[in-house]
Amino acid sequence: MIDLIGKIFIILGIGFDFFGVLGLVRLPDVYNRLQAATKCVTFGSAGILFGVFLMHGFTNLGFKVLLGIAFIFLTSPVAAHAISRAAHRSDISLTEKTVVDHYQDDKELKEE
């Protein structure tokens, strides 16, 4: 039964990865694409790794997979924020459909 649940998590993770890649191709600008890529990595890869953990249990591989999940959850949002901030500071334009730009009001970016 636990193997079936692990396989379900793996399939769900592959589904998140597929839709994240689809978002990379279809979305209009770098900021929207970055959001799709971040969700893809966080939920897709972590789902696959959690499925592997469920299938293998508390073995050496299982502990390594748990460390990988923790690493993904800690680094993926930070990296996405750093990349989006660098893109905004480099004056990469938003799509014309963008409604609000909160970085435009940031005083730190105006000083330069």
Protein backbone atom coordinates (compact mmCIF):
# COMPACT_ATOMS: atom_id res chain seq x y z
CA MET A 1 0.00 0.00 0.00
CA ILE A 2 2.82 2.42 0.82
CA ASP A 3 4.39 1.72 -2.58
CA LEU A 4 1.14 2.75 -4.26
CA ILE A 5 1.05 6.01 -2.30
CA GLY A 6 4.70 6.62 -3.22
CA LYS A 7 3.93 6.06 -6.90
CA ILE A 8 0.99 8.48 -6.66
CA PHE A 9 3.30 11.16 -5.24
CA ILE A 10 5.79 10.50 -8.04
CA ILE A 11 3.07 10.82 -10.68
CA LEU A 12 1.80 14.04 -9.09
CA GLY A 13 5.35 15.39 -9.04
CA ILE A 14 5.80 14.57 -12.70
CA GLY A 15 2.50 16.34 -13.40
CA PHE A 16 3.69 19.49 -11.59
CA ASP A 17 6.96 19.35 -13.52
CA PHE A 18 5.07 19.01 -16.81
CA PHE A 19 2.84 22.00 -16.11
CA GLY A 20 5.82 24.03 -14.93
CA VAL A 21 7.64 23.37 -18.20
CA LEU A 22 4.47 24.26 -20.07
CA GLY A 23 4.41 27.53 -18.14
CA LEU A 24 8.01 28.24 -19.12
CA VAL A 25 7.06 27.95 -22.77
CA ARG A 26 3.69 29.73 -22.68
CA LEU A 27 4.00 32.61 -20.20
CA PRO A 28 4.82 36.08 -21.55
CA ASP A 29 7.72 37.49 -19.51
CA VAL A 30 10.61 36.46 -17.31
CA TYR A 31 8.76 37.11 -14.06
CA ASN A 32 5.81 34.89 -14.89
CA ARG A 33 8.14 32.21 -16.23
CA LEU A 34 10.18 32.37 -13.05
CA GLN A 35 7.05 31.84 -10.99
CA ALA A 36 6.15 28.78 -13.06
CA ALA A 37 9.68 27.40 -12.76
CA THR A 38 9.72 27.91 -8.99
CA LYS A 39 6.42 26.09 -8.50
CA CYS A 40 7.65 23.35 -10.81
CA VAL A 41 10.83 22.76 -8.85
CA THR A 42 9.28 23.12 -5.42
CA PHE A 43 6.20 20.97 -5.81
CA GLY A 44 7.24 18.72 -8.69
CA SER A 45 10.69 17.71 -7.60
CA ALA A 46 9.77 17.59 -3.93
CA GLY A 47 6.77 15.40 -4.78
CA ILE A 48 8.94 13.00 -6.73
CA LEU A 49 11.48 12.86 -3.92
CA PHE A 50 8.77 12.33 -1.30
CA GLY A 51 7.40 9.46 -3.36
CA VAL A 52 10.86 7.91 -3.46
CA PHE A 53 11.11 8.38 0.30
CA LEU A 54 7.80 6.59 0.83
CA MET A 55 8.93 3.70 -1.33
CA HIS A 56 12.33 3.28 0.35
CA GLY A 57 11.55 4.29 3.92
CA PHE A 58 14.10 5.27 6.54
CA THR A 59 17.18 3.92 4.77
CA ASN A 60 20.30 5.77 3.70
CA LEU A 61 18.55 6.72 0.48
CA GLY A 62 15.47 7.86 2.41
CA PHE A 63 17.46 10.23 4.61
CA LYS A 64 19.26 11.66 1.58
CA VAL A 65 15.91 12.23 -0.12
CA LEU A 66 14.57 14.05 2.96
CA LEU A 67 17.66 16.27 2.96
CA GLY A 68 17.05 16.98 -0.72
CA ILE A 69 13.45 17.97 -0.01
CA ALA A 70 14.53 20.30 2.80
CA PHE A 71 17.19 21.84 0.55
CA ILE A 72 14.64 22.44 -2.22
CA PHE A 73 12.13 24.05 0.14
CA LEU A 74 14.78 26.34 1.62
CA THR A 75 16.62 27.42 -1.51
CA SER A 76 14.02 27.58 -4.27
CA PRO A 77 12.06 30.63 -2.99
CA VAL A 78 15.26 32.50 -2.10
CA ALA A 79 16.78 31.86 -5.52
CA ALA A 80 13.58 32.91 -7.30
CA HIS A 81 13.45 36.15 -5.33
CA ALA A 82 17.10 36.92 -6.06
CA ILE A 83 16.68 36.23 -9.78
CA SER A 84 13.51 38.33 -10.05
CA ARG A 85 15.09 41.20 -8.14
CA ALA A 86 18.17 41.09 -10.36
CA ALA A 87 15.96 41.06 -13.45
CA HIS A 88 14.05 44.08 -12.22
CA ARG A 89 17.24 45.94 -11.36
CA SER A 90 18.50 45.20 -14.87
CA ASP A 91 15.38 46.91 -16.25
CA ILE A 92 13.95 43.83 -17.87
CA SER A 93 10.48 44.98 -18.78
CA LEU A 94 7.25 43.50 -17.53
CA THR A 95 4.58 42.38 -19.93
CA GLU A 96 2.10 45.06 -20.97
CA LYS A 97 -0.66 43.11 -19.18
CA THR A 98 1.00 43.68 -15.78
CA VAL A 99 -1.34 45.51 -13.42
CA VAL A 100 0.96 46.56 -10.57
CA ASP A 101 4.71 46.79 -10.01
CA HIS A 102 5.61 47.06 -6.32
CA TYR A 103 9.34 47.17 -7.03
CA GLN A 104 8.80 50.48 -8.83
CA ASP A 105 7.94 52.09 -5.47
CA ASP A 106 10.95 50.59 -3.68
CA LYS A 107 13.26 53.35 -2.43
CA GLU A 108 16.35 51.17 -2.62
CA LEU A 109 16.01 50.77 -6.36
CA LYS A 110 15.45 54.52 -6.91
CA GLU A 111 18.74 55.49 -5.21
CA GLU A 112 20.89 54.05 -7.95
